[in-house]
Amino acid sequence: MFRNAIQRFLYGRYGMDQLGRTLLYTGLGLLLVSVLSGSFVIHVLSLVLYILVLVRMLSRNFAARRRENERYLRLTAPVTRKVRLWRNMLRDKDHRYFKCPGCKKYLRVPRGKGRISISCRSCGCKFTKKS
């Protein structure tokens, strides 16, 4: 019975998204910093973030929350792309990655082929590297 009441209450609410998760984790980090440092201001700031997370989660204004999340994703996209690229580069043991001197894009080549001539698909620049 209680579970059904909660489900009915949450029906039609926005819920959690990437911006909400980031705010939640930031609030948790600030809470830990406030406990370690004893700063009241940081503690209040973490509580404000938690309230903002709850307001966003329980909101019924899907369009506004979606716009906020899309804006956040557009803002963080370059950093996210770089982190994913570096993570893939570290995990990939079969390939080496080189940055094109012309257009600065990363190119993937097989490891262990010796000195090879690499040509960029984007700009056509050619350069030689040891794989």
N, C-alpha and C. Protein backbone atom coordinates (compact mmCIF):
# COMPACT_ATOMS: atom_id res chain seq x y z
N MET A 1 0.82 -1.19 0.00
CA MET A 1 0.00 0.00 0.00
C MET A 1 0.87 1.25 0.00
N PHE A 2 1.87 1.29 0.90
CA PHE A 2 2.75 2.45 0.97
C PHE A 2 3.56 2.59 -0.31
N ARG A 3 3.98 1.42 -0.87
CA ARG A 3 4.75 1.44 -2.11
C ARG A 3 3.92 2.01 -3.25
N ASN A 4 2.67 1.64 -3.32
CA ASN A 4 1.78 2.16 -4.37
C ASN A 4 1.59 3.66 -4.23
N ALA A 5 1.54 4.16 -3.00
CA ALA A 5 1.39 5.59 -2.78
C ALA A 5 2.61 6.34 -3.29
N ILE A 6 3.79 5.80 -3.05
CA ILE A 6 5.02 6.43 -3.53
C ILE A 6 5.06 6.39 -5.05
N GLN A 7 4.69 5.24 -5.64
CA GLN A 7 4.68 5.14 -7.10
C GLN A 7 3.71 6.14 -7.72
N ARG A 8 2.54 6.29 -7.12
CA ARG A 8 1.56 7.26 -7.64
C ARG A 8 2.09 8.68 -7.52
N PHE A 9 2.78 8.97 -6.42
CA PHE A 9 3.33 10.32 -6.22
C PHE A 9 4.41 10.61 -7.26
N LEU A 10 5.27 9.63 -7.53
CA LEU A 10 6.39 9.84 -8.45
C LEU A 10 5.98 9.74 -9.92
N TYR A 11 4.79 9.25 -10.20
CA TYR A 11 4.34 9.15 -11.58
C TYR A 11 4.22 10.54 -12.20
N GLY A 12 4.83 10.73 -13.36
CA GLY A 12 4.77 12.01 -14.04
C GLY A 12 5.82 13.01 -13.57
N ARG A 13 6.76 12.56 -12.76
CA ARG A 13 7.85 13.43 -12.29
C ARG A 13 9.05 13.23 -13.20
N TYR A 14 9.94 14.22 -13.20
CA TYR A 14 11.08 14.20 -14.12
C TYR A 14 12.10 13.12 -13.78
N GLY A 15 12.49 12.99 -12.53
CA GLY A 15 13.46 11.97 -12.14
C GLY A 15 14.90 12.46 -12.24
N MET A 16 15.83 11.53 -12.31
CA MET A 16 17.26 11.83 -12.30
C MET A 16 17.82 11.85 -13.71
N ASP A 17 18.73 12.77 -13.97
CA ASP A 17 19.45 12.83 -15.24
C ASP A 17 20.92 13.13 -14.96
N GLN A 18 21.70 13.42 -16.00
CA GLN A 18 23.13 13.63 -15.83
C GLN A 18 23.42 14.86 -14.97
N LEU A 19 22.70 15.94 -15.21
CA LEU A 19 22.90 17.15 -14.40
C LEU A 19 22.54 16.89 -12.95
N GLY A 20 21.46 16.16 -12.71
CA GLY A 20 21.06 15.82 -11.35
C GLY A 20 22.12 14.98 -10.64
N ARG A 21 22.69 14.00 -11.36
CA ARG A 21 23.74 13.18 -10.77
C ARG A 21 24.96 14.01 -10.42
N THR A 22 25.33 14.92 -11.33
CA THR A 22 26.50 15.77 -11.07
C THR A 22 26.26 16.66 -9.85
N LEU A 23 25.06 17.25 -9.75
CA LEU A 23 24.74 18.08 -8.60
C LEU A 23 24.74 17.25 -7.31
N LEU A 24 24.23 16.03 -7.40
CA LEU A 24 24.19 15.15 -6.23
C LEU A 24 25.61 14.80 -5.75
N TYR A 25 26.48 14.41 -6.68
CA TYR A 25 27.86 14.06 -6.31
C TYR A 25 28.65 15.28 -5.84
N THR A 26 28.39 16.44 -6.46
CA THR A 26 29.05 17.67 -6.01
C THR A 26 28.60 18.02 -4.60
N GLY A 27 27.31 17.87 -4.34
CA GLY A 27 26.81 18.12 -2.99
C GLY A 27 27.42 17.18 -1.97
N LEU A 28 27.58 15.91 -2.36
CA LEU A 28 28.21 14.94 -1.46
C LEU A 28 29.67 15.32 -1.19
N GLY A 29 30.38 15.72 -2.24
CA GLY A 29 31.77 16.15 -2.06
C GLY A 29 31.88 17.37 -1.16
N LEU A 30 30.99 18.34 -1.38
CA LEU A 30 31.00 19.53 -0.54
C LEU A 30 30.65 19.20 0.91
N LEU A 31 29.74 18.24 1.10
CA LEU A 31 29.38 17.83 2.45
C LEU A 31 30.59 17.21 3.16
N LEU A 32 31.33 16.37 2.44
CA LEU A 32 32.54 15.78 3.03
C LEU A 32 33.58 16.85 3.36
N VAL A 33 33.75 17.83 2.46
CA VAL A 33 34.70 18.91 2.71
C VAL A 33 34.25 19.72 3.92
N SER A 34 32.94 19.97 4.03
CA SER A 34 32.46 20.76 5.16
C SER A 34 32.64 20.03 6.48
N VAL A 35 32.49 18.70 6.47
CA VAL A 35 32.70 17.92 7.69
C VAL A 35 34.18 17.95 8.08
N LEU A 36 35.06 17.82 7.09
CA LEU A 36 36.50 17.82 7.39
C LEU A 36 37.02 19.18 7.79
N SER A 37 36.46 20.23 7.17
CA SER A 37 36.96 21.58 7.46
C SER A 37 36.15 22.30 8.53
N GLY A 38 34.94 21.85 8.76
CA GLY A 38 34.09 22.51 9.75
C GLY A 38 33.49 23.81 9.24
N SER A 39 33.45 24.00 7.92
CA SER A 39 32.94 25.23 7.34
C SER A 39 31.42 25.19 7.23
N PHE A 40 30.76 26.13 7.85
CA PHE A 40 29.31 26.21 7.81
C PHE A 40 28.82 26.64 6.42
N VAL A 41 29.54 27.53 5.77
CA VAL A 41 29.15 28.03 4.45
C VAL A 41 29.13 26.89 3.43
N ILE A 42 30.16 26.05 3.44
CA ILE A 42 30.21 24.93 2.50
C ILE A 42 29.11 23.92 2.81
N HIS A 43 28.80 23.74 4.09
CA HIS A 43 27.72 22.85 4.48
C HIS A 43 26.38 23.35 3.94
N VAL A 44 26.13 24.63 4.08
CA VAL A 44 24.88 25.21 3.57
C VAL A 44 24.82 25.09 2.05
N LEU A 45 25.95 25.31 1.38
CA LEU A 45 25.99 25.18 -0.07
C LEU A 45 25.67 23.75 -0.51
N SER A 46 26.17 22.76 0.22
CA SER A 46 25.85 21.37 -0.12
C SER A 46 24.36 21.09 0.08
N LEU A 47 23.77 21.65 1.12
CA LEU A 47 22.32 21.47 1.35
C LEU A 47 21.51 22.14 0.25
N VAL A 48 21.95 23.29 -0.22
CA VAL A 48 21.27 23.97 -1.32
C VAL A 48 21.31 23.10 -2.58
N LEU A 49 22.45 22.46 -2.83
CA LEU A 49 22.54 21.57 -3.98
C LEU A 49 21.60 20.38 -3.85
N TYR A 50 21.48 19.83 -2.64
CA TYR A 50 20.55 18.71 -2.43
C TYR A 50 19.11 19.15 -2.66
N ILE A 51 18.76 20.33 -2.22
CA ILE A 51 17.40 20.84 -2.44
C ILE A 51 17.15 21.03 -3.93
N LEU A 52 18.15 21.55 -4.64
CA LEU A 52 18.03 21.73 -6.09
C LEU A 52 17.84 20.38 -6.79
N VAL A 53 18.56 19.37 -6.35
CA VAL A 53 18.40 18.03 -6.93
C VAL A 53 16.98 17.53 -6.71
N LEU A 54 16.47 17.69 -5.50
CA LEU A 54 15.10 17.24 -5.21
C LEU A 54 14.07 18.00 -6.03
N VAL A 55 14.24 19.30 -6.15
CA VAL A 55 13.30 20.11 -6.94
C VAL A 55 13.30 19.65 -8.39
N ARG A 56 14.49 19.40 -8.94
CA ARG A 56 14.58 18.95 -10.33
C ARG A 56 13.96 17.56 -10.49
N MET A 57 14.22 16.66 -9.53
CA MET A 57 13.69 15.30 -9.63
C MET A 57 12.17 15.25 -9.54
N LEU A 58 11.61 16.08 -8.68
CA LEU A 58 10.16 16.03 -8.47
C LEU A 58 9.39 16.98 -9.38
N SER A 59 10.08 17.65 -10.27
CA SER A 59 9.44 18.60 -11.17
C SER A 59 8.57 17.88 -12.20
N ARG A 60 7.51 18.54 -12.60
CA ARG A 60 6.66 18.03 -13.68
C ARG A 60 6.89 18.79 -14.98
N ASN A 61 7.76 19.78 -14.93
CA ASN A 61 8.07 20.58 -16.11
C ASN A 61 9.20 19.89 -16.89
N PHE A 62 8.83 18.89 -17.68
CA PHE A 62 9.80 18.10 -18.41
C PHE A 62 10.61 18.94 -19.40
N ALA A 63 9.97 19.85 -20.08
CA ALA A 63 10.65 20.64 -21.11
C ALA A 63 11.77 21.48 -20.51
N ALA A 64 11.51 22.14 -19.41
CA ALA A 64 12.53 22.99 -18.78
C ALA A 64 13.69 22.15 -18.26
N ARG A 65 13.39 21.01 -17.61
CA ARG A 65 14.45 20.16 -17.08
C ARG A 65 15.30 19.57 -18.21
N ARG A 66 14.64 19.20 -19.31
CA ARG A 66 15.36 18.65 -20.45
C ARG A 66 16.28 19.70 -21.07
N ARG A 67 15.79 20.95 -21.17
CA ARG A 67 16.63 22.04 -21.70
C ARG A 67 17.84 22.27 -20.81
N GLU A 68 17.63 22.26 -19.49
CA GLU A 68 18.75 22.44 -18.56
C GLU A 68 19.77 21.33 -18.73
N ASN A 69 19.30 20.09 -18.85
CA ASN A 69 20.21 18.96 -18.99
C ASN A 69 20.96 19.02 -20.33
N GLU A 70 20.28 19.39 -21.41
CA GLU A 70 20.93 19.51 -22.71
C GLU A 70 21.99 20.60 -22.70
N ARG A 71 21.70 21.71 -22.04
CA ARG A 71 22.67 22.79 -21.91
C ARG A 71 23.90 22.31 -21.14
N TYR A 72 23.67 21.57 -20.07
CA TYR A 72 24.77 21.01 -19.28
C TYR A 72 25.60 20.04 -20.12
N LEU A 73 24.94 19.18 -20.88
CA LEU A 73 25.66 18.21 -21.71
C LEU A 73 26.47 18.90 -22.81
N ARG A 74 25.92 19.96 -23.41
CA ARG A 74 26.66 20.72 -24.42
C ARG A 74 27.88 21.38 -23.81
N LEU A 75 27.74 21.88 -22.60
CA LEU A 75 28.84 22.56 -21.92
C LEU A 75 29.96 21.59 -21.54
N THR A 76 29.61 20.38 -21.14
CA THR A 76 30.61 19.42 -20.68
C THR A 76 31.05 18.45 -21.78
N ALA A 77 30.51 18.55 -22.98
CA ALA A 77 30.82 17.60 -24.06
C ALA A 77 32.31 17.56 -24.41
N PRO A 78 33.01 18.70 -24.55
CA PRO A 78 34.44 18.61 -24.90
C PRO A 78 35.25 17.85 -23.85
N VAL A 79 34.98 18.09 -22.60
CA VAL A 79 35.72 17.40 -21.53
C VAL A 79 35.37 15.92 -21.54
N THR A 80 34.10 15.60 -21.70
CA THR A 80 33.67 14.21 -21.72
C THR A 80 34.31 13.46 -22.87
N ARG A 81 34.36 14.09 -24.06
CA ARG A 81 34.98 13.45 -25.21
C ARG A 81 36.46 13.16 -24.96
N LYS A 82 37.17 14.14 -24.38
CA LYS A 82 38.60 13.95 -24.10
C LYS A 82 38.82 12.82 -23.11
N VAL A 83 38.01 12.77 -22.05
CA VAL A 83 38.16 11.72 -21.03
C VAL A 83 37.91 10.35 -21.65
N ARG A 84 36.87 10.23 -22.47
CA ARG A 84 36.58 8.94 -23.12
C ARG A 84 37.69 8.53 -24.07
N LEU A 85 38.22 9.50 -24.82
CA LEU A 85 39.31 9.20 -25.74
C LEU A 85 40.53 8.70 -24.99
N TRP A 86 40.93 9.39 -23.93
CA TRP A 86 42.09 8.98 -23.15
C TRP A 86 41.87 7.63 -22.48
N ARG A 87 40.66 7.39 -21.99
CA ARG A 87 40.36 6.10 -21.37
C ARG A 87 40.47 4.97 -22.40
N ASN A 88 39.94 5.20 -23.60
CA ASN A 88 40.05 4.20 -24.66
C ASN A 88 41.50 3.99 -25.08
N MET A 89 42.27 5.07 -25.12
CA MET A 89 43.68 4.95 -25.50
C MET A 89 44.44 4.12 -24.48
N LEU A 90 44.15 4.29 -23.21
CA LEU A 90 44.83 3.53 -22.16
C LEU A 90 44.43 2.05 -22.18
N ARG A 91 43.19 1.76 -22.53
CA ARG A 91 42.71 0.39 -22.54
C ARG A 91 43.12 -0.38 -23.79
N ASP A 92 43.30 0.31 -24.90
CA ASP A 92 43.55 -0.32 -26.18
C ASP A 92 45.02 -0.72 -26.29
N LYS A 93 45.29 -2.02 -26.19
CA LYS A 93 46.67 -2.53 -26.24
C LYS A 93 47.08 -2.91 -27.67
N ASP A 94 46.14 -2.93 -28.60
CA ASP A 94 46.44 -3.35 -29.97
C ASP A 94 46.74 -2.18 -30.91
N HIS A 95 46.49 -0.96 -30.49
CA HIS A 95 46.67 0.20 -31.36
C HIS A 95 47.45 1.30 -30.67
N ARG A 96 48.05 2.17 -31.49
CA ARG A 96 48.68 3.40 -30.99
C ARG A 96 47.89 4.55 -31.56
N TYR A 97 47.88 5.65 -30.86
CA TYR A 97 47.13 6.83 -31.27
C TYR A 97 48.11 7.98 -31.51
N PHE A 98 47.93 8.66 -32.63
CA PHE A 98 48.77 9.81 -32.97
C PHE A 98 47.87 10.98 -33.32
N LYS A 99 48.34 12.18 -33.00
CA LYS A 99 47.59 13.38 -33.33
C LYS A 99 48.07 13.89 -34.68
N CYS A 100 47.13 14.16 -35.56
CA CYS A 100 47.46 14.67 -36.89
C CYS A 100 48.03 16.08 -36.74
N PRO A 101 49.19 16.36 -37.36
CA PRO A 101 49.76 17.71 -37.26
C PRO A 101 48.95 18.76 -38.01
N GLY A 102 48.11 18.32 -38.95
CA GLY A 102 47.32 19.27 -39.73
C GLY A 102 46.04 19.70 -39.05
N CYS A 103 45.20 18.72 -38.71
CA CYS A 103 43.87 19.05 -38.17
C CYS A 103 43.73 18.74 -36.68
N LYS A 104 44.76 18.15 -36.07
CA LYS A 104 44.80 17.86 -34.63
C LYS A 104 43.84 16.75 -34.20
N LYS A 105 43.32 15.97 -35.14
CA LYS A 105 42.48 14.83 -34.78
C LYS A 105 43.37 13.65 -34.43
N TYR A 106 42.84 12.73 -33.60
CA TYR A 106 43.59 11.55 -33.23
C TYR A 106 43.34 10.44 -34.25
N LEU A 107 44.43 9.78 -34.63
CA LEU A 107 44.36 8.68 -35.59
C LEU A 107 44.83 7.41 -34.91
N ARG A 108 44.16 6.29 -35.20
CA ARG A 108 44.48 5.01 -34.58
C ARG A 108 45.19 4.13 -35.62
N VAL A 109 46.34 3.60 -35.24
CA VAL A 109 47.09 2.70 -36.12
C VAL A 109 47.47 1.45 -35.33
N PRO A 110 47.64 0.31 -36.03
CA PRO A 110 48.00 -0.92 -35.31
C PRO A 110 49.40 -0.85 -34.73
N ARG A 111 49.58 -1.46 -33.58
CA ARG A 111 50.89 -1.51 -32.92
C ARG A 111 51.80 -2.53 -33.59
N GLY A 112 53.10 -2.29 -33.45
CA GLY A 112 54.09 -3.28 -33.86
C GLY A 112 54.32 -3.40 -35.36
N LYS A 113 54.01 -2.41 -36.13
CA LYS A 113 54.22 -2.46 -37.58
C LYS A 113 55.50 -1.75 -38.01
N GLY A 114 56.27 -1.26 -37.06
CA GLY A 114 57.50 -0.54 -37.38
C GLY A 114 57.19 0.89 -37.81
N ARG A 115 58.07 1.43 -38.65
CA ARG A 115 57.85 2.80 -39.15
C ARG A 115 56.82 2.77 -40.26
N ILE A 116 55.75 3.52 -40.07
CA ILE A 116 54.68 3.53 -41.06
C ILE A 116 54.34 4.95 -41.46
N SER A 117 53.83 5.09 -42.67
CA SER A 117 53.35 6.37 -43.16
C SER A 117 51.86 6.46 -42.86
N ILE A 118 51.48 7.49 -42.17
CA ILE A 118 50.08 7.67 -41.76
C ILE A 118 49.50 8.83 -42.55
N SER A 119 48.32 8.61 -43.12
CA SER A 119 47.64 9.71 -43.80
C SER A 119 46.29 9.94 -43.13
N CYS A 120 46.02 11.20 -42.85
CA CYS A 120 44.79 11.58 -42.15
C CYS A 120 43.62 11.53 -43.13
N ARG A 121 42.52 10.94 -42.70
CA ARG A 121 41.33 10.86 -43.54
C ARG A 121 40.63 12.21 -43.65
N SER A 122 40.77 13.02 -42.63
CA SER A 122 40.05 14.30 -42.61
C SER A 122 40.70 15.35 -43.50
N CYS A 123 42.01 15.56 -43.31
CA CYS A 123 42.66 16.67 -44.01
C CYS A 123 43.65 16.21 -45.08
N GLY A 124 43.97 14.90 -45.13
CA GLY A 124 44.88 14.39 -46.13
C GLY A 124 46.35 14.56 -45.79
N CYS A 125 46.67 15.06 -44.62
CA CYS A 125 48.05 15.27 -44.20
C CYS A 125 48.74 13.92 -44.02
N LYS A 126 50.02 13.82 -44.47
CA LYS A 126 50.77 12.59 -44.34
C LYS A 126 51.97 12.81 -43.45
N PHE A 127 52.21 11.84 -42.55
CA PHE A 127 53.36 11.92 -41.67
C PHE A 127 53.80 10.50 -41.32
N THR A 128 55.05 10.37 -40.88
CA THR A 128 55.63 9.06 -40.58
C THR A 128 55.89 8.94 -39.08
N LYS A 129 55.49 7.81 -38.51
CA LYS A 129 55.69 7.53 -37.09
C LYS A 129 56.02 6.07 -36.91
N LYS A 130 56.59 5.73 -35.75
CA LYS A 130 56.86 4.34 -35.41
C LYS A 130 55.70 3.81 -34.59
N SER A 131 55.13 2.71 -35.05
CA SER A 131 53.99 2.15 -34.33
C SER A 131 54.48 1.10 -33.37
